[in-house]
Amino acid sequence: MTSAPPADLAGWRHVYSGKVRDLYVPADDAAPAHLLVVASDRVSAFDHVLSPGIPDKGVLLTTLSLWWFDQLAGGDGGRGIPNHLAADHVLAGDDAVELIPDAVRGRAMLVRSLDMQPIECVVRGYLTGSGWAEYRTAGTVCGIPLPEGLNDGDRLPEPLYTPAFKAPMGEHDENITFERSVEIVGAETAAALRDLSLEIYRRAAATAEARGLILADTKFEFGFDAQGVLTLADEVLTSDSSRYWDAESWRTGTTPAERMASFDKQIVRDWLAANWDKQGEPPVLPSEIVERTRERYAELLRLLTAS
């Protein structure tokens, strides 16, 4: 399910709306070198876009993505990892002309067009969610055997790379084995996606840990640029694509809920689970749930980016 795009943006043509993001191309460019990705305030759960949205969510997500792109470009002391960001202005004579419209400034990224790969690159550092459900029944996560005796929320012996095949629009992504990813994109690209995903996860997890946070799991998307360079794209390490937990609560909590209170829309999921049978359209979110969710997004941004 998608909702209507934002108001028309001068110089840009809307081409797609997902659950959260809207995509634009230059209005007069048949083969665009640049795209405009706009993060809305929409919030989704259980495959539904909910009402109302979360105020400032688009700005908070975009700000966090931009911060992480900067960290991974070398700001964290590691090697620079190429990303899809483009300059948000061009020089016209003696003046700089802004390319991001004022109407979406702060919630939009100007990015380079890439040959996107059909693999969603998931990295799991902790046992939770669908991985925990599978482990309880089979002792595996995405088919990968794990030691016995692990509990919900436990740290895994090593981060796991568990790719998914990006399904056509409107369908669910499909968890796949690494061997299947080789069949889809080739051995060299599959290995590069895996190795780069694990490198980024380890660096980001260390950055989060230094700020009292646990990066439990996350997902990345990549594409090749015009020079054939594998390039990090889409959002990165946000509350919508990652699970973050408070490290002290994880260490001292006595229940899964206390250990794994996340900085994302879990508040929304929990409220829906208690107030909706998943039949028909979901109910309108109460103002209290909306505000608490906004604060969790904002708190994560504060904790990560505080100097």
C-alpha atoms as a PDB file:
ATOM      1  CA  MET A   1       0.000   0.000   0.000  1.00  0.00           C
ATOM      2  CA  THR A   2       1.279   3.482  -0.810  1.00  0.00           C
ATOM      3  CA  SER A   3      -0.079   6.944  -0.252  1.00  0.00           C
ATOM      4  CA  ALA A   4      -0.140  10.000  -2.456  1.00  0.00           C
ATOM      5  CA  PRO A   5       3.137  11.751  -3.204  1.00  0.00           C
ATOM      6  CA  PRO A   6       3.931  15.197  -1.822  1.00  0.00           C
ATOM      7  CA  ALA A   7       2.972  18.329  -3.698  1.00  0.00           C
ATOM      8  CA  ASP A   8       4.513  18.762  -7.132  1.00  0.00           C
ATOM      9  CA  LEU A   9       8.152  19.855  -7.003  1.00  0.00           C
ATOM     10  CA  ALA A  10       9.239  22.352  -9.613  1.00  0.00           C
ATOM     11  CA  GLY A  11      11.803  20.813 -11.952  1.00  0.00           C
ATOM     12  CA  TRP A  12      11.141  17.272 -10.755  1.00  0.00           C
ATOM     13  CA  ARG A  13       8.838  14.480 -11.913  1.00  0.00           C
ATOM     14  CA  HIS A  14       7.459  11.999  -9.387  1.00  0.00           C
ATOM     15  CA  VAL A  15       8.047   8.384 -10.481  1.00  0.00           C
ATOM     16  CA  TYR A  16       7.427   6.211  -7.423  1.00  0.00           C
ATOM     17  CA  SER A  17       6.157   6.190  -3.846  1.00  0.00           C
ATOM     18  CA  GLY A  18       7.010   3.453  -1.379  1.00  0.00           C
ATOM     19  CA  LYS A  19       5.693   3.036   2.127  1.00  0.00           C
ATOM     20  CA  VAL A  20       7.963   5.835   3.354  1.00  0.00           C
ATOM     21  CA  ARG A  21       9.953   7.344   0.479  1.00  0.00           C
ATOM     22  CA  ASP A  22       9.073   9.199  -2.715  1.00  0.00           C
ATOM     23  CA  LEU A  23      11.350   9.143  -5.748  1.00  0.00           C
ATOM     24  CA  TYR A  24      11.694  11.929  -8.317  1.00  0.00           C
ATOM     25  CA  VAL A  25      13.694  12.377 -11.516  1.00  0.00           C
ATOM     26  CA  PRO A  26      14.528  15.654 -13.267  1.00  0.00           C
ATOM     27  CA  ALA A  27      11.465  16.716 -15.242  1.00  0.00           C
ATOM     28  CA  ASP A  28      13.390  17.313 -18.466  1.00  0.00           C
ATOM     29  CA  ASP A  29      15.849  14.391 -18.317  1.00  0.00           C
ATOM     30  CA  ALA A  30      14.950  11.139 -20.083  1.00  0.00           C
ATOM     31  CA  ALA A  31      17.983   9.292 -18.676  1.00  0.00           C
ATOM     32  CA  PRO A  32      18.582  10.986 -15.310  1.00  0.00           C
ATOM     33  CA  ALA A  33      22.040  11.000 -13.794  1.00  0.00           C
ATOM     34  CA  HIS A  34      20.551  12.184 -10.500  1.00  0.00           C
ATOM     35  CA  LEU A  35      17.496  11.276  -8.469  1.00  0.00           C
ATOM     36  CA  LEU A  36      15.718  12.987  -5.594  1.00  0.00           C
ATOM     37  CA  VAL A  37      14.797  10.703  -2.697  1.00  0.00           C
ATOM     38  CA  VAL A  38      12.310  12.264  -0.283  1.00  0.00           C
ATOM     39  CA  ALA A  39      11.601  10.703   3.114  1.00  0.00           C
ATOM     40  CA  SER A  40       8.017  11.306   4.201  1.00  0.00           C
ATOM     41  CA  ASP A  41       6.517  11.211   7.689  1.00  0.00           C
ATOM     42  CA  ARG A  42       4.553   8.083   6.787  1.00  0.00           C
ATOM     43  CA  VAL A  43       4.887   5.105   9.100  1.00  0.00           C
ATOM     44  CA  SER A  44       4.092   1.528   8.136  1.00  0.00           C
ATOM     45  CA  ALA A  45       3.545  -1.698  10.041  1.00  0.00           C
ATOM     46  CA  PHE A  46       2.228  -5.110   9.050  1.00  0.00           C
ATOM     47  CA  ASP A  47       2.293  -4.036   5.373  1.00  0.00           C
ATOM     48  CA  HIS A  48      -0.003  -1.060   5.934  1.00  0.00           C
ATOM     49  CA  VAL A  49       0.714   2.648   5.825  1.00  0.00           C
ATOM     50  CA  LEU A  50      -0.800   4.046   9.000  1.00  0.00           C
ATOM     51  CA  SER A  51      -2.532   7.260   9.931  1.00  0.00           C
ATOM     52  CA  PRO A  52      -1.410   9.703  11.106  1.00  0.00           C
ATOM     53  CA  GLY A  53       2.263   9.904  10.226  1.00  0.00           C
ATOM     54  CA  ILE A  54       5.044  10.586  12.715  1.00  0.00           C
ATOM     55  CA  PRO A  55       5.884  14.334  12.750  1.00  0.00           C
ATOM     56  CA  ASP A  56       9.464  15.085  11.597  1.00  0.00           C
ATOM     57  CA  LYS A  57      10.147  11.417  10.871  1.00  0.00           C
ATOM     58  CA  GLY A  58      11.380  12.165   7.348  1.00  0.00           C
ATOM     59  CA  VAL A  59      13.800  14.811   8.599  1.00  0.00           C
ATOM     60  CA  LEU A  60      15.049  12.595  11.436  1.00  0.00           C
ATOM     61  CA  LEU A  61      15.663   9.617   9.125  1.00  0.00           C
ATOM     62  CA  THR A  62      17.384  11.717   6.474  1.00  0.00           C
ATOM     63  CA  THR A  63      19.589  13.477   9.026  1.00  0.00           C
ATOM     64  CA  LEU A  64      20.684  10.141  10.469  1.00  0.00           C
ATOM     65  CA  SER A  65      21.390   8.634   7.044  1.00  0.00           C
ATOM     66  CA  LEU A  66      23.514  11.630   6.073  1.00  0.00           C
ATOM     67  CA  TRP A  67      25.440  11.369   9.348  1.00  0.00           C
ATOM     68  CA  TRP A  68      26.157   7.684   8.768  1.00  0.00           C
ATOM     69  CA  PHE A  69      27.184   8.257   5.147  1.00  0.00           C
ATOM     70  CA  ASP A  70      29.716  10.779   6.457  1.00  0.00           C
ATOM     71  CA  GLN A  71      30.988   8.376   9.128  1.00  0.00           C
ATOM     72  CA  LEU A  72      31.418   5.559   6.617  1.00  0.00           C
ATOM     73  CA  ALA A  73      33.102   7.878   4.128  1.00  0.00           C
ATOM     74  CA  GLY A  74      35.968   8.032   6.640  1.00  0.00           C
ATOM     75  CA  GLY A  75      34.561  10.098   9.485  1.00  0.00           C
ATOM     76  CA  ASP A  76      34.866   7.114  11.816  1.00  0.00           C
ATOM     77  CA  GLY A  77      38.552   6.677  10.975  1.00  0.00           C
ATOM     78  CA  GLY A  78      37.979   3.777   8.594  1.00  0.00           C
ATOM     79  CA  ARG A  79      38.469   3.626   4.866  1.00  0.00           C
ATOM     80  CA  GLY A  80      36.068   5.605   2.739  1.00  0.00           C
ATOM     81  CA  ILE A  81      33.111   3.584   1.456  1.00  0.00           C
ATOM     82  CA  PRO A  82      31.553   5.040  -1.707  1.00  0.00           C
ATOM     83  CA  ASN A  83      27.943   6.165  -1.392  1.00  0.00           C
ATOM     84  CA  HIS A  84      25.304   7.485  -3.752  1.00  0.00           C
ATOM     85  CA  LEU A  85      25.126  11.060  -2.478  1.00  0.00           C
ATOM     86  CA  ALA A  86      25.562  13.825  -5.036  1.00  0.00           C
ATOM     87  CA  ALA A  87      26.265  17.502  -4.476  1.00  0.00           C
ATOM     88  CA  ASP A  88      23.004  19.255  -3.639  1.00  0.00           C
ATOM     89  CA  HIS A  89      23.876  22.284  -5.765  1.00  0.00           C
ATOM     90  CA  VAL A  90      25.461  23.190  -9.085  1.00  0.00           C
ATOM     91  CA  LEU A  91      27.445  26.236 -10.085  1.00  0.00           C
ATOM     92  CA  ALA A  92      25.727  28.532 -12.570  1.00  0.00           C
ATOM     93  CA  GLY A  93      27.994  31.400 -13.457  1.00  0.00           C
ATOM     94  CA  ASP A  94      29.107  32.903 -10.164  1.00  0.00           C
ATOM     95  CA  ASP A  95      26.170  31.557  -8.168  1.00  0.00           C
ATOM     96  CA  ALA A  96      25.369  28.216  -6.570  1.00  0.00           C
ATOM     97  CA  VAL A  97      21.983  26.897  -7.645  1.00  0.00           C
ATOM     98  CA  GLU A  98      20.323  24.601  -5.126  1.00  0.00           C
ATOM     99  CA  LEU A  99      18.967  21.385  -6.620  1.00  0.00           C
ATOM    100  CA  ILE A 100      16.900  20.258  -3.625  1.00  0.00           C
ATOM    101  CA  PRO A 101      13.597  22.184  -3.557  1.00  0.00           C
ATOM    102  CA  ASP A 102      12.896  24.208  -0.438  1.00  0.00           C
ATOM    103  CA  ALA A 103       9.633  22.319   0.115  1.00  0.00           C
ATOM    104  CA  VAL A 104      11.526  19.101   0.927  1.00  0.00           C
ATOM    105  CA  ARG A 105      14.821  20.441   2.198  1.00  0.00           C
ATOM    106  CA  GLY A 106      15.989  18.498   5.241  1.00  0.00           C
ATOM    107  CA  ARG A 107      14.062  15.383   4.273  1.00  0.00           C
ATOM    108  CA  ALA A 108      15.513  14.829   0.791  1.00  0.00           C
ATOM    109  CA  MET A 109      18.753  13.434  -0.608  1.00  0.00           C
ATOM    110  CA  LEU A 110      20.096  14.159  -4.073  1.00  0.00           C
ATOM    111  CA  VAL A 111      21.680  10.921  -5.220  1.00  0.00           C
ATOM    112  CA  ARG A 112      23.459   9.458  -8.214  1.00  0.00           C
ATOM    113  CA  SER A 113      21.623   6.990 -10.382  1.00  0.00           C
ATOM    114  CA  LEU A 114      23.034   3.475  -9.888  1.00  0.00           C
ATOM    115  CA  ASP A 115      22.611  -0.005 -11.289  1.00  0.00           C
ATOM    116  CA  MET A 116      20.892  -1.302  -8.161  1.00  0.00           C
ATOM    117  CA  GLN A 117      21.489  -4.916  -7.191  1.00  0.00           C
ATOM    118  CA  PRO A 118      18.448  -7.134  -6.446  1.00  0.00           C
ATOM    119  CA  ILE A 119      19.885  -8.304  -3.122  1.00  0.00           C
ATOM    120  CA  GLU A 120      18.899  -6.843   0.237  1.00  0.00           C
ATOM    121  CA  CYS A 121      21.996  -7.258   2.389  1.00  0.00           C
ATOM    122  CA  VAL A 122      20.941  -8.159   5.930  1.00  0.00           C
ATOM    123  CA  VAL A 123      23.467  -8.464   8.764  1.00  0.00           C
ATOM    124  CA  ARG A 124      22.448  -9.855  12.151  1.00  0.00           C
ATOM    125  CA  GLY A 125      24.672  -9.421  15.176  1.00  0.00           C
ATOM    126  CA  TYR A 126      22.101 -10.538  17.745  1.00  0.00           C
ATOM    127  CA  LEU A 127      19.428 -13.220  17.873  1.00  0.00           C
ATOM    128  CA  THR A 128      15.954 -11.708  17.718  1.00  0.00           C
ATOM    129  CA  GLY A 129      12.875 -11.241  15.553  1.00  0.00           C
ATOM    130  CA  SER A 130      12.343 -13.776  12.780  1.00  0.00           C
ATOM    131  CA  GLY A 131      15.807 -15.202  13.492  1.00  0.00           C
ATOM    132  CA  TRP A 132      14.787 -16.062  17.056  1.00  0.00           C
ATOM    133  CA  ALA A 133      11.569 -17.687  15.824  1.00  0.00           C
ATOM    134  CA  GLU A 134      13.510 -19.879  13.394  1.00  0.00           C
ATOM    135  CA  TYR A 135      16.180 -20.716  15.973  1.00  0.00           C
ATOM    136  CA  ARG A 136      13.565 -21.961  18.445  1.00  0.00           C
ATOM    137  CA  THR A 137      12.191 -24.459  15.937  1.00  0.00           C
ATOM    138  CA  ALA A 138      15.287 -25.429  13.923  1.00  0.00           C
ATOM    139  CA  GLY A 139      18.401 -24.186  15.717  1.00  0.00           C
ATOM    140  CA  THR A 140      19.242 -22.072  12.676  1.00  0.00           C
ATOM    141  CA  VAL A 141      18.911 -18.522  11.344  1.00  0.00           C
ATOM    142  CA  CYS A 142      18.202 -18.372   7.617  1.00  0.00           C
ATOM    143  CA  GLY A 143      19.406 -21.963   7.474  1.00  0.00           C
ATOM    144  CA  ILE A 144      22.721 -21.216   9.210  1.00  0.00           C
ATOM    145  CA  PRO A 145      23.290 -23.556  12.211  1.00  0.00           C
ATOM    146  CA  LEU A 146      23.900 -21.865  15.568  1.00  0.00           C
ATOM    147  CA  PRO A 147      25.090 -23.173  18.952  1.00  0.00           C
ATOM    148  CA  GLU A 148      22.501 -24.552  21.352  1.00  0.00           C
ATOM    149  CA  GLY A 149      21.353 -22.653  24.413  1.00  0.00           C
ATOM    150  CA  LEU A 150      20.982 -19.141  22.974  1.00  0.00           C
ATOM    151  CA  ASN A 151      18.196 -16.865  24.215  1.00  0.00           C
ATOM    152  CA  ASP A 152      16.161 -14.113  22.626  1.00  0.00           C
ATOM    153  CA  GLY A 153      18.393 -11.042  22.371  1.00  0.00           C
ATOM    154  CA  ASP A 154      21.705 -12.865  22.792  1.00  0.00           C
ATOM    155  CA  ARG A 155      24.759 -11.742  20.886  1.00  0.00           C
ATOM    156  CA  LEU A 156      25.688 -14.130  18.091  1.00  0.00           C
ATOM    157  CA  PRO A 157      29.176 -15.691  18.028  1.00  0.00           C
ATOM    158  CA  GLU A 158      29.850 -13.756  14.806  1.00  0.00           C
ATOM    159  CA  PRO A 159      27.680 -11.397  12.749  1.00  0.00           C
ATOM    160  CA  LEU A 160      25.642 -13.324  10.177  1.00  0.00           C
ATOM    161  CA  TYR A 161      25.124 -12.214   6.587  1.00  0.00           C
ATOM    162  CA  THR A 162      21.650 -13.344   5.555  1.00  0.00           C
ATOM    163  CA  PRO A 163      20.746 -11.933   2.121  1.00  0.00           C
ATOM    164  CA  ALA A 164      17.243 -11.552   0.745  1.00  0.00           C
ATOM    165  CA  PHE A 165      16.054 -11.356  -2.837  1.00  0.00           C
ATOM    166  CA  LYS A 166      14.300  -8.056  -3.510  1.00  0.00           C
ATOM    167  CA  ALA A 167      10.841  -9.008  -4.684  1.00  0.00           C
ATOM    168  CA  PRO A 168       8.877  -7.129  -7.365  1.00  0.00           C
ATOM    169  CA  MET A 169       6.955  -4.097  -6.180  1.00  0.00           C
ATOM    170  CA  GLY A 170       4.134  -5.045  -3.827  1.00  0.00           C
ATOM    171  CA  GLU A 171       5.526  -8.481  -2.950  1.00  0.00           C
ATOM    172  CA  HIS A 172       7.537  -9.669   0.044  1.00  0.00           C
ATOM    173  CA  ASP A 173      11.325  -9.989  -0.101  1.00  0.00           C
ATOM    174  CA  GLU A 174      12.508 -13.596   0.081  1.00  0.00           C
ATOM    175  CA  ASN A 175      15.264 -14.796   2.402  1.00  0.00           C
ATOM    176  CA  ILE A 176      17.846 -16.673   0.354  1.00  0.00           C
ATOM    177  CA  THR A 177      21.117 -18.505   0.939  1.00  0.00           C
ATOM    178  CA  PHE A 178      24.447 -17.003  -0.012  1.00  0.00           C
ATOM    179  CA  GLU A 179      24.699 -19.695  -2.692  1.00  0.00           C
ATOM    180  CA  ARG A 180      21.411 -18.491  -4.191  1.00  0.00           C
ATOM    181  CA  SER A 181      22.725 -14.914  -4.234  1.00  0.00           C
ATOM    182  CA  VAL A 182      25.686 -16.203  -6.264  1.00  0.00           C
ATOM    183  CA  GLU A 183      23.239 -17.626  -8.799  1.00  0.00           C
ATOM    184  CA  ILE A 184      21.421 -14.289  -9.013  1.00  0.00           C
ATOM    185  CA  VAL A 185      24.302 -11.777  -9.250  1.00  0.00           C
ATOM    186  CA  GLY A 186      27.414 -13.912  -9.802  1.00  0.00           C
ATOM    187  CA  ALA A 187      30.144 -15.086  -7.454  1.00  0.00           C
ATOM    188  CA  GLU A 188      32.238 -11.894  -7.502  1.00  0.00           C
ATOM    189  CA  THR A 189      29.362  -9.514  -6.832  1.00  0.00           C
ATOM    190  CA  ALA A 190      27.794 -11.797  -4.203  1.00  0.00           C
ATOM    191  CA  ALA A 191      31.074 -11.969  -2.292  1.00  0.00           C
ATOM    192  CA  ALA A 192      31.580  -8.214  -2.574  1.00  0.00           C
ATOM    193  CA  LEU A 193      28.073  -7.535  -1.227  1.00  0.00           C
ATOM    194  CA  ARG A 194      28.658  -9.896   1.689  1.00  0.00           C
ATOM    195  CA  ASP A 195      32.101  -8.608   2.603  1.00  0.00           C
ATOM    196  CA  LEU A 196      31.148  -4.930   2.358  1.00  0.00           C
ATOM    197  CA  SER A 197      27.965  -5.470   4.377  1.00  0.00           C
ATOM    198  CA  LEU A 198      29.874  -7.194   7.174  1.00  0.00           C
ATOM    199  CA  GLU A 199      32.540  -4.473   7.183  1.00  0.00           C
ATOM    200  CA  ILE A 200      29.952  -1.710   7.441  1.00  0.00           C
ATOM    201  CA  TYR A 201      28.055  -3.533  10.177  1.00  0.00           C
ATOM    202  CA  ARG A 202      31.163  -4.060  12.290  1.00  0.00           C
ATOM    203  CA  ARG A 203      32.204  -0.421  11.944  1.00  0.00           C
ATOM    204  CA  ALA A 204      28.721   0.875  12.695  1.00  0.00           C
ATOM    205  CA  ALA A 205      28.303  -1.494  15.660  1.00  0.00           C
ATOM    206  CA  ALA A 206      31.561  -0.210  17.146  1.00  0.00           C
ATOM    207  CA  THR A 207      30.442   3.391  16.662  1.00  0.00           C
ATOM    208  CA  ALA A 208      27.094   2.641  18.306  1.00  0.00           C
ATOM    209  CA  GLU A 209      28.733   0.766  21.193  1.00  0.00           C
ATOM    210  CA  ALA A 210      30.934   3.764  21.949  1.00  0.00           C
ATOM    211  CA  ARG A 211      27.710   5.745  22.399  1.00  0.00           C
ATOM    212  CA  GLY A 212      26.013   3.240  24.685  1.00  0.00           C
ATOM    213  CA  LEU A 213      23.967   1.569  21.963  1.00  0.00           C
ATOM    214  CA  ILE A 214      23.729  -1.891  20.455  1.00  0.00           C
ATOM    215  CA  LEU A 215      23.216  -2.293  16.716  1.00  0.00           C
ATOM    216  CA  ALA A 216      21.374  -5.611  16.750  1.00  0.00           C
ATOM    217  CA  ASP A 217      20.802  -5.950  13.018  1.00  0.00           C
ATOM    218  CA  THR A 218      20.477  -3.886   9.876  1.00  0.00           C
ATOM    219  CA  LYS A 219      20.061  -4.067   6.123  1.00  0.00           C
ATOM    220  CA  PHE A 220      21.858  -2.381   3.249  1.00  0.00           C
ATOM    221  CA  GLU A 221      21.295  -1.821  -0.444  1.00  0.00           C
ATOM    222  CA  PHE A 222      24.024  -1.378  -3.042  1.00  0.00           C
ATOM    223  CA  GLY A 223      24.390  -0.516  -6.698  1.00  0.00           C
ATOM    224  CA  PHE A 224      27.173  -0.095  -9.242  1.00  0.00           C
ATOM    225  CA  ASP A 225      28.007   3.407 -10.443  1.00  0.00           C
ATOM    226  CA  ALA A 226      28.951   4.341 -14.001  1.00  0.00           C
ATOM    227  CA  GLN A 227      32.560   3.319 -13.303  1.00  0.00           C
ATOM    228  CA  GLY A 228      31.555  -0.092 -11.971  1.00  0.00           C
ATOM    229  CA  VAL A 229      32.233   0.794  -8.318  1.00  0.00           C
ATOM    230  CA  LEU A 230      30.023  -0.955  -5.754  1.00  0.00           C
ATOM    231  CA  THR A 231      28.245   1.885  -3.967  1.00  0.00           C
ATOM    232  CA  LEU A 232      26.205   2.110  -0.767  1.00  0.00           C
ATOM    233  CA  ALA A 233      22.710   3.427  -1.503  1.00  0.00           C
ATOM    234  CA  ASP A 234      19.235   4.109  -0.129  1.00  0.00           C
ATOM    235  CA  GLU A 235      18.923   4.906   3.574  1.00  0.00           C
ATOM    236  CA  VAL A 236      21.607   3.572   5.876  1.00  0.00           C
ATOM    237  CA  LEU A 237      21.552   2.546   9.552  1.00  0.00           C
ATOM    238  CA  THR A 238      18.329   4.376  10.394  1.00  0.00           C
ATOM    239  CA  SER A 239      15.599   3.403  12.824  1.00  0.00           C
ATOM    240  CA  ASP A 240      13.583   2.085   9.865  1.00  0.00           C
ATOM    241  CA  SER A 241      16.318  -0.220   8.554  1.00  0.00           C
ATOM    242  CA  SER A 242      17.997  -1.259  11.816  1.00  0.00           C
ATOM    243  CA  ARG A 243      17.359  -2.414  15.360  1.00  0.00           C
ATOM    244  CA  TYR A 244      19.108  -0.358  18.035  1.00  0.00           C
ATOM    245  CA  TRP A 245      18.965  -1.177  21.738  1.00  0.00           C
ATOM    246  CA  ASP A 246      20.194   0.651  24.817  1.00  0.00           C
ATOM    247  CA  ALA A 247      23.352  -1.206  25.887  1.00  0.00           C
ATOM    248  CA  GLU A 248      22.820  -0.763  29.640  1.00  0.00           C
ATOM    249  CA  SER A 249      19.223  -1.958  29.449  1.00  0.00           C
ATOM    250  CA  TRP A 250      20.350  -4.972  27.411  1.00  0.00           C
ATOM    251  CA  ARG A 251      22.906  -5.874  30.086  1.00  0.00           C
ATOM    252  CA  THR A 252      20.651  -5.366  33.110  1.00  0.00           C
ATOM    253  CA  GLY A 253      17.127  -6.078  31.847  1.00  0.00           C
ATOM    254  CA  THR A 254      15.358  -9.146  33.191  1.00  0.00           C
ATOM    255  CA  THR A 255      12.810  -9.610  30.394  1.00  0.00           C
ATOM    256  CA  PRO A 256      13.140  -9.527  26.588  1.00  0.00           C
ATOM    257  CA  ALA A 257      11.032  -6.358  26.490  1.00  0.00           C
ATOM    258  CA  GLU A 258      13.401  -4.617  28.922  1.00  0.00           C
ATOM    259  CA  ARG A 259      16.563  -5.875  27.226  1.00  0.00           C
ATOM    260  CA  MET A 260      15.475  -5.061  23.700  1.00  0.00           C
ATOM    261  CA  ALA A 261      13.474  -1.836  23.915  1.00  0.00           C
ATOM    262  CA  SER A 262      14.258  -0.477  20.458  1.00  0.00           C
ATOM    263  CA  PHE A 263      14.633   3.025  19.058  1.00  0.00           C
ATOM    264  CA  ASP A 264      12.104   2.596  16.278  1.00  0.00           C
ATOM    265  CA  LYS A 265       8.405   1.998  15.604  1.00  0.00           C
ATOM    266  CA  GLN A 266       8.108  -1.012  17.937  1.00  0.00           C
ATOM    267  CA  ILE A 267       5.747   1.101  20.030  1.00  0.00           C
ATOM    268  CA  VAL A 268       3.458   1.262  16.994  1.00  0.00           C
ATOM    269  CA  ARG A 269       3.709  -2.470  16.319  1.00  0.00           C
ATOM    270  CA  ASP A 270       2.943  -3.301  19.946  1.00  0.00           C
ATOM    271  CA  TRP A 271      -0.098  -1.005  20.032  1.00  0.00           C
ATOM    272  CA  LEU A 272      -1.462  -2.421  16.778  1.00  0.00           C
ATOM    273  CA  ALA A 273      -0.922  -5.997  17.948  1.00  0.00           C
ATOM    274  CA  ALA A 274      -3.017  -5.245  21.033  1.00  0.00           C
ATOM    275  CA  ASN A 275      -5.739  -3.259  19.266  1.00  0.00           C
ATOM    276  CA  TRP A 276      -6.166  -4.720  15.777  1.00  0.00           C
ATOM    277  CA  ASP A 277      -6.822  -8.216  14.435  1.00  0.00           C
ATOM    278  CA  LYS A 278      -5.028  -7.430  11.138  1.00  0.00           C
ATOM    279  CA  GLN A 279      -8.330  -7.585   9.265  1.00  0.00           C
ATOM    280  CA  GLY A 280      -9.329  -4.659   7.076  1.00  0.00           C
ATOM    281  CA  GLU A 281      -7.828  -1.217   7.496  1.00  0.00           C
ATOM    282  CA  PRO A 282      -5.795  -0.580  10.669  1.00  0.00           C
ATOM    283  CA  PRO A 283      -7.116   1.871  13.279  1.00  0.00           C
ATOM    284  CA  VAL A 284      -5.908   5.447  13.596  1.00  0.00           C
ATOM    285  CA  LEU A 285      -2.896   5.745  15.900  1.00  0.00           C
ATOM    286  CA  PRO A 286      -3.535   7.589  19.194  1.00  0.00           C
ATOM    287  CA  SER A 287      -1.650  10.848  19.673  1.00  0.00           C
ATOM    288  CA  GLU A 288       0.261   9.376  22.628  1.00  0.00           C
ATOM    289  CA  ILE A 289       1.623   6.536  20.469  1.00  0.00           C
ATOM    290  CA  VAL A 290       2.578   8.988  17.733  1.00  0.00           C
ATOM    291  CA  GLU A 291       4.467  11.276  20.116  1.00  0.00           C
ATOM    292  CA  ARG A 292       6.260   8.432  21.927  1.00  0.00           C
ATOM    293  CA  THR A 293       7.376   7.014  18.587  1.00  0.00           C
ATOM    294  CA  ARG A 294       8.650  10.391  17.418  1.00  0.00           C
ATOM    295  CA  GLU A 295      10.642  10.762  20.627  1.00  0.00           C
ATOM    296  CA  ARG A 296      12.312   7.363  20.137  1.00  0.00           C
ATOM    297  CA  TYR A 297      13.445   8.365  16.639  1.00  0.00           C
ATOM    298  CA  ALA A 298      14.694  11.711  17.922  1.00  0.00           C
ATOM    299  CA  GLU A 299      16.440  10.158  20.927  1.00  0.00           C
ATOM    300  CA  LEU A 300      18.417   7.771  18.723  1.00  0.00           C
ATOM    301  CA  LEU A 301      19.602  10.666  16.584  1.00  0.00           C
ATOM    302  CA  ARG A 302      20.668  12.600  19.696  1.00  0.00           C
ATOM    303  CA  LEU A 303      22.530   9.656  21.203  1.00  0.00           C
ATOM    304  CA  LEU A 304      24.427   8.795  18.030  1.00  0.00           C
ATOM    305  CA  THR A 305      25.362  12.259  16.837  1.00  0.00           C
ATOM    306  CA  ALA A 306      26.119  13.988  20.141  1.00  0.00           C
ATOM    307  CA  SER A 307      29.760  15.092  20.094  1.00  0.00           C
END
